[in-house]
PDB file of N, CA and C in Angstrom:
ATOM      1  N   MET A   1      11.193  17.559  49.165  1.00  0.00           N
ATOM      2  CA  MET A   1      10.501  17.437  50.434  1.00  0.00           C
ATOM      3  C   MET A   1      11.361  17.960  51.577  1.00  0.00           C
ATOM      4  N   ASP A   2      12.271  18.861  51.267  1.00  0.00           N
ATOM      5  CA  ASP A   2      13.143  19.397  52.304  1.00  0.00           C
ATOM      6  C   ASP A   2      12.378  20.264  53.302  1.00  0.00           C
ATOM      7  N   ASN A   3      11.391  20.964  52.827  1.00  0.00           N
ATOM      8  CA  ASN A   3      10.733  21.941  53.676  1.00  0.00           C
ATOM      9  C   ASN A   3       9.372  21.451  54.181  1.00  0.00           C
ATOM     10  N   ILE A   4       9.245  20.183  54.476  1.00  0.00           N
ATOM     11  CA  ILE A   4       7.971  19.643  54.946  1.00  0.00           C
ATOM     12  C   ILE A   4       7.575  20.262  56.276  1.00  0.00           C
ATOM     13  N   TRP A   5       8.555  20.522  57.146  1.00  0.00           N
ATOM     14  CA  TRP A   5       8.229  21.125  58.441  1.00  0.00           C
ATOM     15  C   TRP A   5       7.771  22.568  58.276  1.00  0.00           C
ATOM     16  N   LEU A   6       8.328  23.256  57.294  1.00  0.00           N
ATOM     17  CA  LEU A   6       7.887  24.612  57.009  1.00  0.00           C
ATOM     18  C   LEU A   6       6.447  24.609  56.500  1.00  0.00           C
ATOM     19  N   GLN A   7       6.119  23.667  55.649  1.00  0.00           N
ATOM     20  CA  GLN A   7       4.757  23.567  55.137  1.00  0.00           C
ATOM     21  C   GLN A   7       3.774  23.204  56.249  1.00  0.00           C
ATOM     22  N   ILE A   8       4.184  22.310  57.143  1.00  0.00           N
ATOM     23  CA  ILE A   8       3.324  21.945  58.270  1.00  0.00           C
ATOM     24  C   ILE A   8       3.107  23.150  59.183  1.00  0.00           C
ATOM     25  N   ALA A   9       4.173  23.893  59.461  1.00  0.00           N
ATOM     26  CA  ALA A   9       4.059  25.072  60.316  1.00  0.00           C
ATOM     27  C   ALA A   9       3.156  26.121  59.671  1.00  0.00           C
ATOM     28  N   LEU A  10       3.273  26.299  58.375  1.00  0.00           N
ATOM     29  CA  LEU A  10       2.426  27.250  57.667  1.00  0.00           C
ATOM     30  C   LEU A  10       0.961  26.826  57.723  1.00  0.00           C
ATOM     31  N   ALA A  11       0.697  25.542  57.529  1.00  0.00           N
ATOM     32  CA  ALA A  11      -0.680  25.049  57.580  1.00  0.00           C
ATOM     33  C   ALA A  11      -1.268  25.228  58.978  1.00  0.00           C
ATOM     34  N   VAL A  12      -0.479  24.942  60.007  1.00  0.00           N
ATOM     35  CA  VAL A  12      -0.959  25.123  61.386  1.00  0.00           C
ATOM     36  C   VAL A  12      -1.225  26.592  61.670  1.00  0.00           C
ATOM     37  N   THR A  13      -0.331  27.472  61.225  1.00  0.00           N
ATOM     38  CA  THR A  13      -0.505  28.906  61.443  1.00  0.00           C
ATOM     39  C   THR A  13      -1.753  29.418  60.739  1.00  0.00           C
ATOM     40  N   MET A  14      -1.969  29.015  59.507  1.00  0.00           N
ATOM     41  CA  MET A  14      -3.157  29.457  58.779  1.00  0.00           C
ATOM     42  C   MET A  14      -4.428  28.909  59.426  1.00  0.00           C
ATOM     43  N   GLY A  15      -4.390  27.684  59.896  1.00  0.00           N
ATOM     44  CA  GLY A  15      -5.544  27.114  60.598  1.00  0.00           C
ATOM     45  C   GLY A  15      -5.868  27.877  61.873  1.00  0.00           C
ATOM     46  N   MET A  16      -4.820  28.252  62.607  1.00  0.00           N
ATOM     47  CA  MET A  16      -5.034  29.021  63.836  1.00  0.00           C
ATOM     48  C   MET A  16      -5.600  30.409  63.518  1.00  0.00           C
ATOM     49  N   MET A  17      -5.106  31.015  62.439  1.00  0.00           N
ATOM     50  CA  MET A  17      -5.637  32.323  62.049  1.00  0.00           C
ATOM     51  C   MET A  17      -7.124  32.223  61.736  1.00  0.00           C
ATOM     52  N   LEU A  18      -7.518  31.223  60.968  1.00  0.00           N
ATOM     53  CA  LEU A  18      -8.937  31.047  60.659  1.00  0.00           C
ATOM     54  C   LEU A  18      -9.751  30.788  61.924  1.00  0.00           C
ATOM     55  N   PHE A  19      -9.210  29.970  62.815  1.00  0.00           N
ATOM     56  CA  PHE A  19      -9.922  29.619  64.042  1.00  0.00           C
ATOM     57  C   PHE A  19     -10.154  30.845  64.922  1.00  0.00           C
ATOM     58  N   PHE A  20      -9.160  31.727  65.018  1.00  0.00           N
ATOM     59  CA  PHE A  20      -9.279  32.880  65.904  1.00  0.00           C
ATOM     60  C   PHE A  20      -9.939  34.088  65.231  1.00  0.00           C
ATOM     61  N   LEU A  21      -9.780  34.253  63.931  1.00  0.00           N
ATOM     62  CA  LEU A  21     -10.301  35.440  63.268  1.00  0.00           C
ATOM     63  C   LEU A  21     -11.741  35.288  62.778  1.00  0.00           C
ATOM     64  N   PHE A  22     -12.192  34.069  62.508  1.00  0.00           N
ATOM     65  CA  PHE A  22     -13.537  33.888  61.973  1.00  0.00           C
ATOM     66  C   PHE A  22     -14.628  34.412  62.901  1.00  0.00           C
ATOM     67  N   PRO A  23     -14.605  34.125  64.209  1.00  0.00           N
ATOM     68  CA  PRO A  23     -15.661  34.673  65.072  1.00  0.00           C
ATOM     69  C   PRO A  23     -15.663  36.202  65.111  1.00  0.00           C
ATOM     70  N   LYS A  24     -14.499  36.811  65.107  1.00  0.00           N
ATOM     71  CA  LYS A  24     -14.433  38.273  65.125  1.00  0.00           C
ATOM     72  C   LYS A  24     -14.955  38.851  63.814  1.00  0.00           C
ATOM     73  N   ALA A  25     -14.607  38.255  62.690  1.00  0.00           N
ATOM     74  CA  ALA A  25     -15.100  38.719  61.397  1.00  0.00           C
ATOM     75  C   ALA A  25     -16.621  38.570  61.318  1.00  0.00           C
ATOM     76  N   LYS A  26     -17.148  37.505  61.867  1.00  0.00           N
ATOM     77  CA  LYS A  26     -18.596  37.302  61.876  1.00  0.00           C
ATOM     78  C   LYS A  26     -19.273  38.396  62.703  1.00  0.00           C
ATOM     79  N   GLN A  27     -18.690  38.751  63.837  1.00  0.00           N
ATOM     80  CA  GLN A  27     -19.247  39.808  64.675  1.00  0.00           C
ATOM     81  C   GLN A  27     -19.191  41.160  63.959  1.00  0.00           C
ATOM     82  N   TRP A  28     -18.083  41.432  63.261  1.00  0.00           N
ATOM     83  CA  TRP A  28     -17.964  42.686  62.507  1.00  0.00           C
ATOM     84  C   TRP A  28     -19.020  42.766  61.410  1.00  0.00           C
ATOM     85  N   MET A  29     -19.290  41.654  60.745  1.00  0.00           N
ATOM     86  CA  MET A  29     -20.284  41.652  59.684  1.00  0.00           C
ATOM     87  C   MET A  29     -21.691  41.905  60.240  1.00  0.00           C
ATOM     88  N   GLU A  30     -21.979  41.372  61.416  1.00  0.00           N
ATOM     89  CA  GLU A  30     -23.307  41.538  61.996  1.00  0.00           C
ATOM     90  C   GLU A  30     -23.508  42.934  62.583  1.00  0.00           C
ATOM     91  N   HIS A  31     -22.475  43.492  63.200  1.00  0.00           N
ATOM     92  CA  HIS A  31     -22.614  44.746  63.934  1.00  0.00           C
ATOM     93  C   HIS A  31     -21.876  45.910  63.284  1.00  0.00           C
ATOM     94  N   GLY A  32     -21.405  45.744  62.091  1.00  0.00           N
ATOM     95  CA  GLY A  32     -20.658  46.797  61.417  1.00  0.00           C
ATOM     96  C   GLY A  32     -21.581  47.836  60.798  1.00  0.00           C
ATOM     97  N   PRO A  33     -21.007  48.908  60.280  1.00  0.00           N
ATOM     98  CA  PRO A  33     -21.829  49.935  59.649  1.00  0.00           C
ATOM     99  C   PRO A  33     -22.434  49.448  58.333  1.00  0.00           C
ATOM    100  N   ARG A  34     -23.625  49.916  58.045  1.00  0.00           N
ATOM    101  CA  ARG A  34     -24.311  49.552  56.812  1.00  0.00           C
ATOM    102  C   ARG A  34     -23.950  50.550  55.717  1.00  0.00           C
ATOM    103  N   ALA A  35     -24.034  50.115  54.475  1.00  0.00           N
ATOM    104  CA  ALA A  35     -23.710  50.981  53.348  1.00  0.00           C
ATOM    105  C   ALA A  35     -24.791  52.050  53.177  1.00  0.00           C
ATOM    106  N   GLN A  36     -24.345  53.244  52.860  1.00  0.00           N
ATOM    107  CA  GLN A  36     -25.267  54.358  52.636  1.00  0.00           C
ATOM    108  C   GLN A  36     -25.457  54.568  51.138  1.00  0.00           C
ATOM    109  N   GLN A  37     -26.164  55.603  50.778  1.00  0.00           N
ATOM    110  CA  GLN A  37     -26.532  55.854  49.388  1.00  0.00           C
ATOM    111  C   GLN A  37     -25.323  56.024  48.466  1.00  0.00           C
ATOM    112  N   GLY A  38     -24.332  56.850  48.823  1.00  0.00           N
ATOM    113  CA  GLY A  38     -23.230  57.142  47.915  1.00  0.00           C
ATOM    114  C   GLY A  38     -21.990  56.291  48.106  1.00  0.00           C
ATOM    115  N   ASP A  39     -22.073  55.278  48.949  1.00  0.00           N
ATOM    116  CA  ASP A  39     -20.885  54.483  49.252  1.00  0.00           C
ATOM    117  C   ASP A  39     -20.392  53.677  48.054  1.00  0.00           C
ATOM    118  N   TRP A  40     -21.312  53.136  47.256  1.00  0.00           N
ATOM    119  CA  TRP A  40     -20.884  52.319  46.121  1.00  0.00           C
ATOM    120  C   TRP A  40     -20.189  53.168  45.071  1.00  0.00           C
ATOM    121  N   MET A  41     -20.682  54.377  44.851  1.00  0.00           N
ATOM    122  CA  MET A  41     -20.041  55.251  43.867  1.00  0.00           C
ATOM    123  C   MET A  41     -18.649  55.642  44.343  1.00  0.00           C
ATOM    124  N   ALA A  42     -18.477  55.828  45.647  1.00  0.00           N
ATOM    125  CA  ALA A  42     -17.177  56.180  46.182  1.00  0.00           C
ATOM    126  C   ALA A  42     -16.182  55.038  45.996  1.00  0.00           C
ATOM    127  N   ALA A  43     -16.649  53.805  45.888  1.00  0.00           N
ATOM    128  CA  ALA A  43     -15.768  52.672  45.660  1.00  0.00           C
ATOM    129  C   ALA A  43     -15.548  52.419  44.165  1.00  0.00           C
ATOM    130  N   VAL A  44     -16.560  52.681  43.346  1.00  0.00           N
ATOM    131  CA  VAL A  44     -16.473  52.383  41.915  1.00  0.00           C
ATOM    132  C   VAL A  44     -15.549  53.366  41.199  1.00  0.00           C
ATOM    133  N   ILE A  45     -15.591  54.629  41.574  1.00  0.00           N
ATOM    134  CA  ILE A  45     -14.780  55.636  40.878  1.00  0.00           C
ATOM    135  C   ILE A  45     -13.279  55.335  40.967  1.00  0.00           C
ATOM    136  N   PRO A  46     -12.704  55.059  42.147  1.00  0.00           N
ATOM    137  CA  PRO A  46     -11.277  54.707  42.169  1.00  0.00           C
ATOM    138  C   PRO A  46     -10.959  53.413  41.418  1.00  0.00           C
ATOM    139  N   LEU A  47     -11.867  52.440  41.471  1.00  0.00           N
ATOM    140  CA  LEU A  47     -11.640  51.199  40.727  1.00  0.00           C
ATOM    141  C   LEU A  47     -11.599  51.460  39.227  1.00  0.00           C
ATOM    142  N   LEU A  48     -12.507  52.285  38.734  1.00  0.00           N
ATOM    143  CA  LEU A  48     -12.492  52.626  37.317  1.00  0.00           C
ATOM    144  C   LEU A  48     -11.234  53.405  36.946  1.00  0.00           C
ATOM    145  N   ALA A  49     -10.763  54.249  37.850  1.00  0.00           N
ATOM    146  CA  ALA A  49      -9.532  54.986  37.592  1.00  0.00           C
ATOM    147  C   ALA A  49      -8.343  54.032  37.467  1.00  0.00           C
ATOM    148  N   VAL A  50      -8.280  53.037  38.328  1.00  0.00           N
ATOM    149  CA  VAL A  50      -7.185  52.060  38.268  1.00  0.00           C
ATOM    150  C   VAL A  50      -7.272  51.246  36.983  1.00  0.00           C
ATOM    151  N   VAL A  51      -8.471  50.802  36.623  1.00  0.00           N
ATOM    152  CA  VAL A  51      -8.640  50.034  35.384  1.00  0.00           C
ATOM    153  C   VAL A  51      -8.239  50.874  34.181  1.00  0.00           C
ATOM    154  N   GLY A  52      -8.656  52.139  34.173  1.00  0.00           N
ATOM    155  CA  GLY A  52      -8.276  53.025  33.068  1.00  0.00           C
ATOM    156  C   GLY A  52      -6.779  53.231  32.983  1.00  0.00           C
ATOM    157  N   PHE A  53      -6.119  53.379  34.142  1.00  0.00           N
ATOM    158  CA  PHE A  53      -4.671  53.547  34.156  1.00  0.00           C
ATOM    159  C   PHE A  53      -3.957  52.301  33.645  1.00  0.00           C
ATOM    160  N   VAL A  54      -4.423  51.137  34.047  1.00  0.00           N
ATOM    161  CA  VAL A  54      -3.815  49.894  33.577  1.00  0.00           C
ATOM    162  C   VAL A  54      -4.012  49.746  32.074  1.00  0.00           C
ATOM    163  N   LEU A  55      -5.205  50.070  31.588  1.00  0.00           N
ATOM    164  CA  LEU A  55      -5.427  49.996  30.135  1.00  0.00           C
ATOM    165  C   LEU A  55      -4.523  50.980  29.383  1.00  0.00           C
ATOM    166  N   LEU A  56      -4.326  52.167  29.938  1.00  0.00           N
ATOM    167  CA  LEU A  56      -3.416  53.137  29.330  1.00  0.00           C
ATOM    168  C   LEU A  56      -1.999  52.583  29.280  1.00  0.00           C
ATOM    169  N   LEU A  57      -1.548  51.970  30.359  1.00  0.00           N
ATOM    170  CA  LEU A  57      -0.204  51.375  30.364  1.00  0.00           C
ATOM    171  C   LEU A  57      -0.077  50.256  29.343  1.00  0.00           C
ATOM    172  N   ILE A  58      -1.123  49.448  29.211  1.00  0.00           N
ATOM    173  CA  ILE A  58      -1.099  48.354  28.241  1.00  0.00           C
ATOM    174  C   ILE A  58      -1.021  48.908  26.817  1.00  0.00           C
ATOM    175  N   MET A  59      -1.773  49.968  26.558  1.00  0.00           N
ATOM    176  CA  MET A  59      -1.772  50.549  25.216  1.00  0.00           C
ATOM    177  C   MET A  59      -0.430  51.226  24.892  1.00  0.00           C
ATOM    178  N   LEU A  60       0.262  51.701  25.884  1.00  0.00           N
ATOM    179  CA  LEU A  60       1.556  52.360  25.648  1.00  0.00           C
ATOM    180  C   LEU A  60       2.679  51.369  25.369  1.00  0.00           C
ATOM    181  N   VAL A  61       2.480  50.136  25.709  1.00  0.00           N
ATOM    182  CA  VAL A  61       3.563  49.143  25.523  1.00  0.00           C
ATOM    183  C   VAL A  61       3.560  48.604  24.144  1.00  0.00           C
TER     184      VAL A  61
END
């Protein structure tokens, strides 16, 4: 229990971050750009590339 003050400070900091960032994130979600037709494919292709690379590394070990 040496670092109880550090844990308290961390909890207060995280609480303040949530308190100040949540309204802005809500506004971004409401007024942000909407997804277009090819946006999902543009996100899926790099994700599949990363998964394939990780599987290749696993198979090489």
